[in-house]
Amino acid sequence: MSLMSNSRVTALELMAAKIRRNVLDICMQRGGYAGQGVALADIAACLYFDEMRADDAGWFHDRFVLSNGHDAIMTYGALAEHGSYSMVDLRTYNADGTKVDQSPIEGQLGFEITAGSLGQGPSQAAGIAWGERMKGNDKRIYCLFSDGELQEGNVWEAAMFAAHQKLSNLVYIIDNNDLQATSRTQDVLAVEPVPEKFTAFGCAARRVNGNSITDILDAFAEAKTVKDRPFVMVCDTRIFAGIDCLQAALPAAHYVAKHQADWNAGLAEINRKITELEGQADGS
């Protein structure tokens, strides 16, 4: 593993915990994709608060493309900590007349593309990466999509194009949680072995624990060493990972609307975790 300080890992674990709290706060108003947002908090913390470089205007120099719109809850939770959204605004998530859509459109702060038709993001991200390289820019492009999207042929066309064009400025991040809208991914249309398939298409690929800060950071570091091909992070995640009471007590579901007692128990657990991590950060 690359050199990685304990303070850096603890700071990102604390950020991930705060993102998890934001996700619950947002979704407890009227339900939503809380399980995915909680599970992706470690990736969000590493991506937004360590990996992507800032620009001079306080935004991001690198670019992030969200393919699976339902995972926008991850971005909302992270950008609340960035200061780009207020929690007051984010609590209108999925309300009538809100500008905080469950599946955002292009141009909304933090979202490069209109996410709705699954499988489109990898192609658009490859095009953006190609365009940035053609312009001579050093921007790196990150694209998150889901294992269910691997059932779409467009994803594999994108992988073939990206490998052919040697887009080493492109990093694909796959939320490999074995769950899609109606059932487990392996029961609907099996997609494994995912890393080997991307390797066969000419990409560099690695399977990581998507709920481990150290694994994620190490994979991002490896991606920067790869030349002449895109890098694929196959991130194994678990719905509600990081909040044990919700993961243990409730069945995995693509979309949830929970009882108030469940939300309160989850918030209590994650607040205890935040207090613990703040103590560790102060002592480091």
C-alpha atoms as a PDB file:
ATOM      1  CA  MET A   1       0.000   0.000   0.000  1.00  0.00           C
ATOM      2  CA  SER A   2       1.191   3.521  -0.713  1.00  0.00           C
ATOM      3  CA  LEU A   3       2.255   5.816   2.124  1.00  0.00           C
ATOM      4  CA  MET A   4      -0.899   6.815   3.964  1.00  0.00           C
ATOM      5  CA  SER A   5      -0.966   8.639   7.292  1.00  0.00           C
ATOM      6  CA  ASN A   6      -3.320   7.638  10.069  1.00  0.00           C
ATOM      7  CA  SER A   7      -4.507  11.228  10.376  1.00  0.00           C
ATOM      8  CA  ARG A   8      -5.443  11.320   6.692  1.00  0.00           C
ATOM      9  CA  VAL A   9      -7.455   8.099   6.984  1.00  0.00           C
ATOM     10  CA  THR A  10      -9.150   9.228  10.204  1.00  0.00           C
ATOM     11  CA  ALA A  11     -10.082  12.590   8.656  1.00  0.00           C
ATOM     12  CA  LEU A  12     -11.692  10.826   5.691  1.00  0.00           C
ATOM     13  CA  GLU A  13     -13.466   8.315   7.931  1.00  0.00           C
ATOM     14  CA  LEU A  14     -14.882  11.278   9.839  1.00  0.00           C
ATOM     15  CA  MET A  15     -15.957  12.927   6.584  1.00  0.00           C
ATOM     16  CA  ALA A  16     -17.613   9.672   5.457  1.00  0.00           C
ATOM     17  CA  ALA A  17     -19.524   9.505   8.742  1.00  0.00           C
ATOM     18  CA  LYS A  18     -20.761  13.075   8.276  1.00  0.00           C
ATOM     19  CA  ILE A  19     -21.862  12.246   4.720  1.00  0.00           C
ATOM     20  CA  ARG A  20     -23.777   9.243   6.084  1.00  0.00           C
ATOM     21  CA  ARG A  21     -25.509  11.498   8.592  1.00  0.00           C
ATOM     22  CA  ASN A  22     -26.439  13.922   5.812  1.00  0.00           C
ATOM     23  CA  VAL A  23     -27.878  11.101   3.710  1.00  0.00           C
ATOM     24  CA  LEU A  24     -30.118   9.969   6.565  1.00  0.00           C
ATOM     25  CA  ASP A  25     -31.163  13.538   7.312  1.00  0.00           C
ATOM     26  CA  ILE A  26     -32.124  14.069   3.670  1.00  0.00           C
ATOM     27  CA  CYS A  27     -33.927  10.765   3.169  1.00  0.00           C
ATOM     28  CA  MET A  28     -35.836  10.650   6.443  1.00  0.00           C
ATOM     29  CA  GLN A  29     -38.090  13.441   5.137  1.00  0.00           C
ATOM     30  CA  ARG A  30     -39.887  11.278   2.558  1.00  0.00           C
ATOM     31  CA  GLY A  31     -37.748   8.243   1.773  1.00  0.00           C
ATOM     32  CA  GLY A  32     -35.197   7.706  -0.963  1.00  0.00           C
ATOM     33  CA  TYR A  33     -32.048   5.853  -1.910  1.00  0.00           C
ATOM     34  CA  ALA A  34     -30.589   5.985   1.576  1.00  0.00           C
ATOM     35  CA  GLY A  35     -28.975   2.540   1.504  1.00  0.00           C
ATOM     36  CA  GLN A  36     -26.827   3.404  -1.508  1.00  0.00           C
ATOM     37  CA  GLY A  37     -25.923   6.861  -0.215  1.00  0.00           C
ATOM     38  CA  VAL A  38     -24.778   5.461   3.118  1.00  0.00           C
ATOM     39  CA  ALA A  39     -22.818   2.666   1.429  1.00  0.00           C
ATOM     40  CA  LEU A  40     -21.075   5.070  -0.957  1.00  0.00           C
ATOM     41  CA  ALA A  41     -20.022   7.554   1.726  1.00  0.00           C
ATOM     42  CA  ASP A  42     -16.459   6.208   1.915  1.00  0.00           C
ATOM     43  CA  ILE A  43     -16.024   6.596  -1.848  1.00  0.00           C
ATOM     44  CA  ALA A  44     -17.556  10.092  -1.692  1.00  0.00           C
ATOM     45  CA  ALA A  45     -15.238  11.187   1.115  1.00  0.00           C
ATOM     46  CA  CYS A  46     -12.140  10.007  -0.742  1.00  0.00           C
ATOM     47  CA  LEU A  47     -13.293  11.363  -4.095  1.00  0.00           C
ATOM     48  CA  TYR A  48     -14.464  14.841  -3.091  1.00  0.00           C
ATOM     49  CA  PHE A  49     -12.140  15.557  -0.159  1.00  0.00           C
ATOM     50  CA  ASP A  50      -8.876  13.905  -1.185  1.00  0.00           C
ATOM     51  CA  GLU A  51      -8.733  12.752  -4.806  1.00  0.00           C
ATOM     52  CA  MET A  52     -10.279  15.492  -6.959  1.00  0.00           C
ATOM     53  CA  ARG A  53      -8.199  18.647  -7.129  1.00  0.00           C
ATOM     54  CA  ALA A  54      -9.650  22.063  -6.376  1.00  0.00           C
ATOM     55  CA  ASP A  55      -9.671  24.915  -8.857  1.00  0.00           C
ATOM     56  CA  ASP A  56      -8.998  28.579  -8.149  1.00  0.00           C
ATOM     57  CA  ALA A  57     -12.707  29.323  -7.745  1.00  0.00           C
ATOM     58  CA  GLY A  58     -13.260  26.823  -4.925  1.00  0.00           C
ATOM     59  CA  TRP A  59     -14.868  24.183  -7.131  1.00  0.00           C
ATOM     60  CA  PHE A  60     -13.159  21.104  -8.622  1.00  0.00           C
ATOM     61  CA  HIS A  61     -10.469  21.065 -11.296  1.00  0.00           C
ATOM     62  CA  ASP A  62     -11.185  17.413 -12.078  1.00  0.00           C
ATOM     63  CA  ARG A  63     -14.610  16.280 -13.266  1.00  0.00           C
ATOM     64  CA  PHE A  64     -17.080  13.754 -11.881  1.00  0.00           C
ATOM     65  CA  VAL A  65     -19.806  12.084 -13.947  1.00  0.00           C
ATOM     66  CA  LEU A  66     -22.677  10.336 -12.139  1.00  0.00           C
ATOM     67  CA  SER A  67     -24.297   7.747 -14.382  1.00  0.00           C
ATOM     68  CA  ASN A  68     -26.791   6.178 -11.986  1.00  0.00           C
ATOM     69  CA  GLY A  69     -28.949   9.102 -10.954  1.00  0.00           C
ATOM     70  CA  HIS A  70     -30.367   7.417  -7.877  1.00  0.00           C
ATOM     71  CA  ASP A  71     -26.897   7.674  -6.291  1.00  0.00           C
ATOM     72  CA  ALA A  72     -27.166  11.475  -6.405  1.00  0.00           C
ATOM     73  CA  ILE A  73     -27.878  11.228  -2.682  1.00  0.00           C
ATOM     74  CA  MET A  74     -24.164  10.476  -2.264  1.00  0.00           C
ATOM     75  CA  THR A  75     -23.217  13.680  -4.084  1.00  0.00           C
ATOM     76  CA  TYR A  76     -25.751  15.753  -2.158  1.00  0.00           C
ATOM     77  CA  GLY A  77     -24.433  14.419   1.151  1.00  0.00           C
ATOM     78  CA  ALA A  78     -20.841  15.192   0.161  1.00  0.00           C
ATOM     79  CA  LEU A  79     -21.513  18.640  -1.310  1.00  0.00           C
ATOM     80  CA  ALA A  80     -23.333  19.639   1.870  1.00  0.00           C
ATOM     81  CA  GLU A  81     -19.990  19.157   3.660  1.00  0.00           C
ATOM     82  CA  HIS A  82     -18.262  21.038   0.835  1.00  0.00           C
ATOM     83  CA  GLY A  83     -20.598  23.963   1.500  1.00  0.00           C
ATOM     84  CA  SER A  84     -22.189  23.896  -1.947  1.00  0.00           C
ATOM     85  CA  TYR A  85     -25.665  22.920  -0.689  1.00  0.00           C
ATOM     86  CA  SER A  86     -27.409  23.773   2.566  1.00  0.00           C
ATOM     87  CA  MET A  87     -29.167  21.043   4.500  1.00  0.00           C
ATOM     88  CA  VAL A  88     -32.287  23.215   4.452  1.00  0.00           C
ATOM     89  CA  ASP A  89     -32.358  22.964   0.663  1.00  0.00           C
ATOM     90  CA  LEU A  90     -31.420  19.284   0.626  1.00  0.00           C
ATOM     91  CA  ARG A  91     -34.308  18.390   2.926  1.00  0.00           C
ATOM     92  CA  THR A  92     -36.611  19.235  -0.003  1.00  0.00           C
ATOM     93  CA  TYR A  93     -35.195  16.158  -1.820  1.00  0.00           C
ATOM     94  CA  ASN A  94     -37.978  14.606  -3.907  1.00  0.00           C
ATOM     95  CA  ALA A  95     -40.604  17.105  -2.689  1.00  0.00           C
ATOM     96  CA  ASP A  96     -43.118  18.639  -5.082  1.00  0.00           C
ATOM     97  CA  GLY A  97     -41.512  21.606  -6.827  1.00  0.00           C
ATOM     98  CA  THR A  98     -38.041  20.926  -5.445  1.00  0.00           C
ATOM     99  CA  LYS A  99     -34.832  21.681  -7.292  1.00  0.00           C
ATOM    100  CA  VAL A 100     -33.163  18.800  -5.435  1.00  0.00           C
ATOM    101  CA  ASP A 101     -34.159  15.957  -7.725  1.00  0.00           C
ATOM    102  CA  GLN A 102     -33.657  12.305  -6.911  1.00  0.00           C
ATOM    103  CA  SER A 103     -32.217  11.864 -10.394  1.00  0.00           C
ATOM    104  CA  PRO A 104     -30.638  15.210 -11.355  1.00  0.00           C
ATOM    105  CA  ILE A 105     -30.394  16.884 -14.724  1.00  0.00           C
ATOM    106  CA  GLU A 106     -27.355  18.308 -16.502  1.00  0.00           C
ATOM    107  CA  GLY A 107     -26.405  21.711 -15.187  1.00  0.00           C
ATOM    108  CA  GLN A 108     -27.554  21.160 -11.623  1.00  0.00           C
ATOM    109  CA  LEU A 109     -24.652  21.962  -9.312  1.00  0.00           C
ATOM    110  CA  GLY A 110     -22.416  18.899  -9.054  1.00  0.00           C
ATOM    111  CA  PHE A 111     -23.900  16.985 -11.980  1.00  0.00           C
ATOM    112  CA  GLU A 112     -22.312  16.854 -15.431  1.00  0.00           C
ATOM    113  CA  ILE A 113     -25.016  14.871 -17.237  1.00  0.00           C
ATOM    114  CA  THR A 114     -28.719  14.131 -17.053  1.00  0.00           C
ATOM    115  CA  ALA A 115     -28.830  10.829 -15.207  1.00  0.00           C
ATOM    116  CA  GLY A 116     -31.880   8.751 -15.914  1.00  0.00           C
ATOM    117  CA  SER A 117     -31.302   6.365 -18.755  1.00  0.00           C
ATOM    118  CA  LEU A 118     -28.874   3.962 -17.096  1.00  0.00           C
ATOM    119  CA  GLY A 119     -25.696   2.960 -18.890  1.00  0.00           C
ATOM    120  CA  GLN A 120     -25.126   6.361 -20.510  1.00  0.00           C
ATOM    121  CA  GLY A 121     -22.582   7.765 -18.064  1.00  0.00           C
ATOM    122  CA  PRO A 122     -19.549   5.653 -19.019  1.00  0.00           C
ATOM    123  CA  SER A 123     -19.858   6.726 -22.679  1.00  0.00           C
ATOM    124  CA  GLN A 124     -20.288  10.385 -21.820  1.00  0.00           C
ATOM    125  CA  ALA A 125     -17.387  10.268 -19.367  1.00  0.00           C
ATOM    126  CA  ALA A 126     -15.182   8.668 -22.023  1.00  0.00           C
ATOM    127  CA  GLY A 127     -16.122  11.457 -24.417  1.00  0.00           C
ATOM    128  CA  ILE A 128     -15.337  14.107 -21.809  1.00  0.00           C
ATOM    129  CA  ALA A 129     -11.975  12.462 -21.050  1.00  0.00           C
ATOM    130  CA  TRP A 130     -11.131  12.323 -24.749  1.00  0.00           C
ATOM    131  CA  GLY A 131     -12.137  15.961 -25.209  1.00  0.00           C
ATOM    132  CA  GLU A 132     -10.068  17.151 -22.253  1.00  0.00           C
ATOM    133  CA  ARG A 133      -7.045  15.308 -23.608  1.00  0.00           C
ATOM    134  CA  MET A 134      -7.584  16.764 -27.089  1.00  0.00           C
ATOM    135  CA  LYS A 135      -7.582  20.247 -25.530  1.00  0.00           C
ATOM    136  CA  GLY A 136      -4.331  19.484 -23.721  1.00  0.00           C
ATOM    137  CA  ASN A 137      -5.905  19.694 -20.270  1.00  0.00           C
ATOM    138  CA  ASP A 138      -4.659  17.606 -17.364  1.00  0.00           C
ATOM    139  CA  LYS A 139      -8.115  17.093 -15.865  1.00  0.00           C
ATOM    140  CA  ARG A 140      -8.948  13.619 -14.637  1.00  0.00           C
ATOM    141  CA  ILE A 141     -12.466  12.290 -15.204  1.00  0.00           C
ATOM    142  CA  TYR A 142     -14.205  10.066 -12.676  1.00  0.00           C
ATOM    143  CA  CYS A 143     -17.428   8.213 -13.473  1.00  0.00           C
ATOM    144  CA  LEU A 144     -19.577   6.305 -10.998  1.00  0.00           C
ATOM    145  CA  PHE A 145     -21.989   3.684 -12.243  1.00  0.00           C
ATOM    146  CA  SER A 146     -23.695   0.590 -10.881  1.00  0.00           C
ATOM    147  CA  ASP A 147     -23.261  -3.125 -11.407  1.00  0.00           C
ATOM    148  CA  GLY A 148     -26.788  -3.271 -12.829  1.00  0.00           C
ATOM    149  CA  GLU A 149     -25.673  -0.922 -15.595  1.00  0.00           C
ATOM    150  CA  LEU A 150     -23.160  -3.539 -16.704  1.00  0.00           C
ATOM    151  CA  GLN A 151     -26.153  -5.278 -18.270  1.00  0.00           C
ATOM    152  CA  GLU A 152     -26.262  -2.425 -20.819  1.00  0.00           C
ATOM    153  CA  GLY A 153     -24.296  -2.826 -24.035  1.00  0.00           C
ATOM    154  CA  ASN A 154     -23.464   0.877 -24.061  1.00  0.00           C
ATOM    155  CA  VAL A 155     -21.149   0.358 -21.075  1.00  0.00           C
ATOM    156  CA  TRP A 156     -19.011  -2.096 -22.998  1.00  0.00           C
ATOM    157  CA  GLU A 157     -18.886   0.116 -26.086  1.00  0.00           C
ATOM    158  CA  ALA A 158     -17.583   2.857 -23.801  1.00  0.00           C
ATOM    159  CA  ALA A 159     -14.940   0.539 -22.317  1.00  0.00           C
ATOM    160  CA  MET A 160     -13.818  -0.497 -25.790  1.00  0.00           C
ATOM    161  CA  PHE A 161     -13.595   3.129 -26.953  1.00  0.00           C
ATOM    162  CA  ALA A 162     -11.787   4.306 -23.820  1.00  0.00           C
ATOM    163  CA  ALA A 163      -9.229   1.512 -24.064  1.00  0.00           C
ATOM    164  CA  HIS A 164      -8.709   2.087 -27.791  1.00  0.00           C
ATOM    165  CA  GLN A 165      -8.125   5.802 -27.202  1.00  0.00           C
ATOM    166  CA  LYS A 166      -5.777   5.023 -24.258  1.00  0.00           C
ATOM    167  CA  LEU A 167      -7.683   7.322 -21.918  1.00  0.00           C
ATOM    168  CA  SER A 168      -5.473   7.117 -18.852  1.00  0.00           C
ATOM    169  CA  ASN A 169      -7.199  10.268 -17.543  1.00  0.00           C
ATOM    170  CA  LEU A 170     -10.420   8.266 -17.049  1.00  0.00           C
ATOM    171  CA  VAL A 171     -11.335   6.340 -13.893  1.00  0.00           C
ATOM    172  CA  TYR A 172     -14.475   4.216 -13.789  1.00  0.00           C
ATOM    173  CA  ILE A 173     -15.885   3.547 -10.293  1.00  0.00           C
ATOM    174  CA  ILE A 174     -18.422   0.712 -10.149  1.00  0.00           C
ATOM    175  CA  ASP A 175     -20.819   0.411  -7.213  1.00  0.00           C
ATOM    176  CA  ASN A 176     -20.805  -3.385  -7.113  1.00  0.00           C
ATOM    177  CA  ASN A 177     -23.507  -4.037  -4.503  1.00  0.00           C
ATOM    178  CA  ASP A 178     -25.311  -6.958  -6.197  1.00  0.00           C
ATOM    179  CA  LEU A 179     -28.635  -5.135  -6.038  1.00  0.00           C
ATOM    180  CA  GLN A 180     -30.866  -3.519  -8.629  1.00  0.00           C
ATOM    181  CA  ALA A 181     -34.440  -2.311  -8.651  1.00  0.00           C
ATOM    182  CA  THR A 182     -36.222  -5.668  -8.643  1.00  0.00           C
ATOM    183  CA  SER A 183     -33.772  -8.195  -7.231  1.00  0.00           C
ATOM    184  CA  ARG A 184     -30.130  -9.161  -6.810  1.00  0.00           C
ATOM    185  CA  THR A 185     -28.030  -8.390  -9.867  1.00  0.00           C
ATOM    186  CA  GLN A 186     -26.729 -11.943 -10.100  1.00  0.00           C
ATOM    187  CA  ASP A 187     -30.321 -13.239 -10.236  1.00  0.00           C
ATOM    188  CA  VAL A 188     -31.535 -10.760 -12.888  1.00  0.00           C
ATOM    189  CA  LEU A 189     -28.549 -11.009 -15.238  1.00  0.00           C
ATOM    190  CA  ALA A 190     -25.195 -11.998 -13.752  1.00  0.00           C
ATOM    191  CA  VAL A 191     -22.299  -9.639 -14.498  1.00  0.00           C
ATOM    192  CA  GLU A 192     -19.352 -11.237 -12.685  1.00  0.00           C
ATOM    193  CA  PRO A 193     -16.411 -11.521 -13.014  1.00  0.00           C
ATOM    194  CA  VAL A 194     -16.361  -7.745 -13.478  1.00  0.00           C
ATOM    195  CA  PRO A 195     -12.620  -6.881 -13.283  1.00  0.00           C
ATOM    196  CA  GLU A 196     -11.681  -9.657 -15.704  1.00  0.00           C
ATOM    197  CA  LYS A 197     -14.230  -8.445 -18.237  1.00  0.00           C
ATOM    198  CA  PHE A 198     -12.898  -4.893 -18.209  1.00  0.00           C
ATOM    199  CA  THR A 199      -9.355  -6.223 -18.474  1.00  0.00           C
ATOM    200  CA  ALA A 200     -10.411  -8.183 -21.555  1.00  0.00           C
ATOM    201  CA  PHE A 201     -11.658  -4.909 -23.064  1.00  0.00           C
ATOM    202  CA  GLY A 202      -8.225  -3.346 -22.606  1.00  0.00           C
ATOM    203  CA  CYS A 203      -8.689  -1.511 -19.301  1.00  0.00           C
ATOM    204  CA  ALA A 204      -6.703  -1.815 -16.097  1.00  0.00           C
ATOM    205  CA  ALA A 205      -9.051  -3.100 -13.407  1.00  0.00           C
ATOM    206  CA  ARG A 206      -8.958  -3.811  -9.695  1.00  0.00           C
ATOM    207  CA  ARG A 207     -11.512  -5.072  -7.181  1.00  0.00           C
ATOM    208  CA  VAL A 208     -11.536  -3.143  -3.891  1.00  0.00           C
ATOM    209  CA  ASN A 209     -13.524  -2.985  -0.690  1.00  0.00           C
ATOM    210  CA  GLY A 210     -15.711   0.026  -1.401  1.00  0.00           C
ATOM    211  CA  ASN A 211     -16.251   0.560   2.316  1.00  0.00           C
ATOM    212  CA  SER A 212     -12.552   0.782   3.188  1.00  0.00           C
ATOM    213  CA  ILE A 213     -10.912   4.207   3.066  1.00  0.00           C
ATOM    214  CA  THR A 214      -7.442   2.684   2.760  1.00  0.00           C
ATOM    215  CA  ASP A 215      -8.475   0.407  -0.114  1.00  0.00           C
ATOM    216  CA  ILE A 216     -10.082   3.284  -1.996  1.00  0.00           C
ATOM    217  CA  LEU A 217      -7.131   5.626  -1.517  1.00  0.00           C
ATOM    218  CA  ASP A 218      -4.712   2.926  -2.596  1.00  0.00           C
ATOM    219  CA  ALA A 219      -6.735   2.253  -5.759  1.00  0.00           C
ATOM    220  CA  PHE A 220      -6.828   5.958  -6.645  1.00  0.00           C
ATOM    221  CA  ALA A 221      -3.063   6.090  -6.175  1.00  0.00           C
ATOM    222  CA  GLU A 222      -2.615   3.079  -8.445  1.00  0.00           C
ATOM    223  CA  ALA A 223      -4.832   4.672 -11.105  1.00  0.00           C
ATOM    224  CA  LYS A 224      -2.353   7.544 -11.422  1.00  0.00           C
ATOM    225  CA  THR A 225       0.440   5.101 -12.248  1.00  0.00           C
ATOM    226  CA  VAL A 226      -1.460   3.448 -15.110  1.00  0.00           C
ATOM    227  CA  LYS A 227      -0.483   4.673 -18.554  1.00  0.00           C
ATOM    228  CA  ASP A 228      -2.239   4.344 -21.912  1.00  0.00           C
ATOM    229  CA  ARG A 229      -5.480   2.833 -20.609  1.00  0.00           C
ATOM    230  CA  PRO A 230      -8.426   3.725 -18.369  1.00  0.00           C
ATOM    231  CA  PHE A 231      -8.569   2.449 -14.804  1.00  0.00           C
ATOM    232  CA  VAL A 232     -11.584   0.608 -13.380  1.00  0.00           C
ATOM    233  CA  MET A 233     -12.299   0.376  -9.648  1.00  0.00           C
ATOM    234  CA  VAL A 234     -14.783  -2.414  -8.953  1.00  0.00           C
ATOM    235  CA  CYS A 235     -15.983  -1.372  -5.500  1.00  0.00           C
ATOM    236  CA  ASP A 236     -17.735  -4.081  -3.521  1.00  0.00           C
ATOM    237  CA  THR A 237     -20.200  -2.275  -1.246  1.00  0.00           C
ATOM    238  CA  ARG A 238     -23.045  -3.266   1.048  1.00  0.00           C
ATOM    239  CA  ILE A 239     -26.330  -1.385   1.419  1.00  0.00           C
ATOM    240  CA  PHE A 240     -26.240   0.744   4.619  1.00  0.00           C
ATOM    241  CA  ALA A 241     -22.598  -0.188   5.289  1.00  0.00           C
ATOM    242  CA  GLY A 242     -21.328   1.972   8.132  1.00  0.00           C
ATOM    243  CA  ILE A 243     -24.602   2.065  10.077  1.00  0.00           C
ATOM    244  CA  ASP A 244     -24.903  -1.351  11.663  1.00  0.00           C
ATOM    245  CA  CYS A 245     -28.397  -1.013  13.106  1.00  0.00           C
ATOM    246  CA  LEU A 246     -29.938  -0.277   9.699  1.00  0.00           C
ATOM    247  CA  GLN A 247     -27.907  -2.874   7.864  1.00  0.00           C
ATOM    248  CA  ALA A 248     -28.725  -5.618  10.363  1.00  0.00           C
ATOM    249  CA  ALA A 249     -32.376  -4.888  11.060  1.00  0.00           C
ATOM    250  CA  LEU A 250     -33.734  -4.182   7.605  1.00  0.00           C
ATOM    251  CA  PRO A 251     -33.670  -6.138   4.336  1.00  0.00           C
ATOM    252  CA  ALA A 252     -31.597  -4.759   1.482  1.00  0.00           C
ATOM    253  CA  ALA A 253     -33.767  -2.653  -0.792  1.00  0.00           C
ATOM    254  CA  HIS A 254     -33.176  -0.403  -3.773  1.00  0.00           C
ATOM    255  CA  TYR A 255     -35.486   2.325  -2.406  1.00  0.00           C
ATOM    256  CA  VAL A 256     -36.614   2.784   1.177  1.00  0.00           C
ATOM    257  CA  ALA A 257     -39.154   4.724   3.201  1.00  0.00           C
ATOM    258  CA  LYS A 258     -38.525   3.777   6.822  1.00  0.00           C
ATOM    259  CA  HIS A 259     -40.314   4.327  10.099  1.00  0.00           C
ATOM    260  CA  GLN A 260     -39.164   7.294  12.152  1.00  0.00           C
ATOM    261  CA  ALA A 261     -37.761   4.988  14.810  1.00  0.00           C
ATOM    262  CA  ASP A 262     -35.414   3.410  12.246  1.00  0.00           C
ATOM    263  CA  TRP A 263     -34.124   6.776  11.048  1.00  0.00           C
ATOM    264  CA  ASN A 264     -33.635   7.925  14.645  1.00  0.00           C
ATOM    265  CA  ALA A 265     -31.691   4.781  15.544  1.00  0.00           C
ATOM    266  CA  GLY A 266     -29.469   5.238  12.502  1.00  0.00           C
ATOM    267  CA  LEU A 267     -28.808   8.889  13.316  1.00  0.00           C
ATOM    268  CA  ALA A 268     -27.994   8.032  16.927  1.00  0.00           C
ATOM    269  CA  GLU A 269     -25.476   5.409  15.832  1.00  0.00           C
ATOM    270  CA  ILE A 270     -23.744   7.610  13.281  1.00  0.00           C
ATOM    271  CA  ASN A 271     -23.613  10.551  15.709  1.00  0.00           C
ATOM    272  CA  ARG A 272     -21.818   8.328  18.214  1.00  0.00           C
ATOM    273  CA  LYS A 273     -19.384   7.348  15.480  1.00  0.00           C
ATOM    274  CA  ILE A 274     -18.755  10.983  14.567  1.00  0.00           C
ATOM    275  CA  THR A 275     -18.029  11.840  18.215  1.00  0.00           C
ATOM    276  CA  GLU A 276     -15.595   8.910  18.421  1.00  0.00           C
ATOM    277  CA  LEU A 277     -13.789   9.902  15.229  1.00  0.00           C
ATOM    278  CA  GLU A 278     -13.592  13.549  16.253  1.00  0.00           C
ATOM    279  CA  GLY A 279     -11.847  12.398  19.426  1.00  0.00           C
ATOM    280  CA  GLN A 280      -9.383  10.358  17.391  1.00  0.00           C
ATOM    281  CA  ALA A 281      -8.749  13.285  15.057  1.00  0.00           C
ATOM    282  CA  ASP A 282      -8.102  15.629  17.988  1.00  0.00           C
ATOM    283  CA  GLY A 283      -5.644  13.170  19.476  1.00  0.00           C
ATOM    284  CA  SER A 284      -3.692  12.562  16.275  1.00  0.00           C
END
